Amino acid sequence: MTPGILTKSEFLSFVSLAIIHSYCQIKIVKEFSIESFLDSVNGSSQTQTNLKKLLIESFNEIQHMGLILKKYKLLSKKDKYQIVDHLQIRLVHKTKYIHFCENVNI
């Protein structure tokens, strides 16, 4: 992604494609690499914060749609796991990977 001013729609498209990519894994437990995702953006810290917020909104939306379960297993940058029901910006800032489960009962 090239640096510059992006619209919220462009941010949302970028975030959506990244989540779809991780959702398409054959495994039931999916893995989303926040570090790889953010490394693909040559943006300011504000741009990365905006992407993290949209990432949270997108995960909340697909969770609300029933596509994924309401539990996330986060691997922190200090290699510690934490299980949460809701993603929050302060947690995402400290996270390397988000593990989430596909809802196979839909």
Protein backbone atom coordinates (compact mmCIF):
# COMPACT_ATOMS: atom_id res chain seq x y z
CA MET A 1 0.00 0.00 0.00
CA THR A 2 1.47 3.35 -0.94
CA PRO A 3 1.78 6.13 1.60
CA GLY A 4 -0.61 9.02 1.41
CA ILE A 5 -4.05 10.00 2.51
CA LEU A 6 -6.53 7.16 2.25
CA THR A 7 -10.25 7.35 2.66
CA LYS A 8 -12.05 5.34 5.31
CA SER A 9 -13.52 3.26 2.48
CA GLU A 10 -10.03 2.39 1.21
CA PHE A 11 -8.91 1.52 4.75
CA LEU A 12 -11.98 -0.66 5.23
CA SER A 13 -11.37 -2.47 1.93
CA PHE A 14 -7.77 -3.15 2.90
CA VAL A 15 -8.78 -4.46 6.35
CA SER A 16 -11.62 -6.56 4.90
CA LEU A 17 -9.35 -8.24 2.37
CA ALA A 18 -6.79 -9.07 5.06
CA ILE A 19 -9.46 -10.65 7.28
CA ILE A 20 -10.96 -12.58 4.36
CA HIS A 21 -7.49 -13.90 3.58
CA SER A 22 -7.06 -15.26 7.12
CA TYR A 23 -10.68 -16.52 7.23
CA CYS A 24 -10.12 -18.61 4.09
CA GLN A 25 -7.61 -20.85 5.85
CA ILE A 26 -8.73 -24.47 5.80
CA LYS A 27 -8.29 -24.83 9.57
CA ILE A 28 -11.21 -24.12 11.93
CA VAL A 29 -8.91 -22.07 14.16
CA LYS A 30 -7.74 -19.11 12.09
CA GLU A 31 -4.70 -16.91 12.61
CA PHE A 32 -4.45 -13.22 11.78
CA SER A 33 -0.96 -11.70 11.91
CA ILE A 34 -1.25 -8.09 13.00
CA GLU A 35 2.47 -7.54 12.46
CA SER A 36 2.40 -8.78 8.84
CA PHE A 37 -0.75 -6.81 8.18
CA LEU A 38 0.74 -3.56 9.50
CA ASP A 39 4.13 -4.20 7.85
CA SER A 40 2.35 -4.08 4.50
CA VAL A 41 1.38 -0.45 5.19
CA ASN A 42 3.92 2.32 4.77
CA GLY A 43 1.95 4.72 6.91
CA SER A 44 2.31 6.89 9.95
CA SER A 45 1.52 5.69 13.46
CA GLN A 46 -1.86 7.43 13.11
CA THR A 47 -2.53 5.43 9.93
CA GLN A 48 -1.66 2.20 11.73
CA THR A 49 -3.89 3.15 14.67
CA ASN A 50 -6.76 3.82 12.25
CA LEU A 51 -6.18 0.43 10.62
CA LYS A 52 -6.25 -1.28 14.03
CA LYS A 53 -9.56 0.43 14.85
CA LEU A 54 -11.05 -0.69 11.54
CA LEU A 55 -9.68 -4.17 12.14
CA ILE A 56 -11.54 -4.31 15.46
CA GLU A 57 -14.73 -3.00 13.83
CA SER A 58 -14.43 -5.62 11.10
CA PHE A 59 -13.88 -8.50 13.53
CA ASN A 60 -16.85 -7.28 15.58
CA GLU A 61 -19.00 -7.21 12.45
CA ILE A 62 -18.15 -10.75 11.31
CA GLN A 63 -18.62 -11.94 14.88
CA HIS A 64 -22.05 -10.26 14.97
CA MET A 65 -22.91 -11.97 11.67
CA GLY A 66 -22.17 -15.31 13.34
CA LEU A 67 -19.27 -16.28 11.07
CA ILE A 68 -16.77 -16.55 13.94
CA LEU A 69 -17.08 -17.46 17.61
CA LYS A 70 -17.01 -14.87 20.38
CA LYS A 71 -13.59 -15.85 21.73
CA TYR A 72 -10.20 -14.62 20.62
CA LYS A 73 -6.83 -15.98 21.68
CA LEU A 74 -4.26 -13.20 21.47
CA LEU A 75 -0.51 -13.78 21.34
CA SER A 76 1.22 -10.71 22.73
CA LYS A 77 4.50 -9.26 21.57
CA LYS A 78 5.93 -10.75 24.80
CA ASP A 79 4.78 -14.23 23.67
CA LYS A 80 2.02 -14.51 26.28
CA TYR A 81 -1.47 -15.76 25.43
CA GLN A 82 -4.68 -14.09 26.55
CA ILE A 83 -8.26 -15.17 25.82
CA VAL A 84 -10.81 -12.38 25.40
CA ASP A 85 -14.41 -11.99 24.24
CA HIS A 86 -13.94 -8.55 22.69
CA LEU A 87 -11.04 -6.92 20.90
CA GLN A 88 -9.92 -3.56 22.27
CA ILE A 89 -7.42 -1.10 20.84
CA ARG A 90 -5.12 -1.33 23.88
CA LEU A 91 -4.93 -5.12 23.45
CA VAL A 92 -4.42 -4.97 19.69
CA HIS A 93 -1.49 -2.56 20.17
CA LYS A 94 0.27 -5.27 22.21
CA THR A 95 -0.65 -8.24 20.01
CA LYS A 96 1.27 -10.16 17.32
CA TYR A 97 -1.43 -12.66 16.37
CA ILE A 98 -5.18 -12.95 16.77
CA HIS A 99 -6.45 -16.54 16.77
CA PHE A 100 -10.15 -16.94 16.14
CA CYS A 101 -12.51 -19.82 15.39
CA GLU A 102 -14.89 -20.23 12.50
CA ASN A 103 -18.46 -20.89 13.54
CA VAL A 104 -19.10 -24.28 11.95
CA ASN A 105 -22.68 -24.39 13.25
CA ILE A 106 -24.11 -21.88 10.78
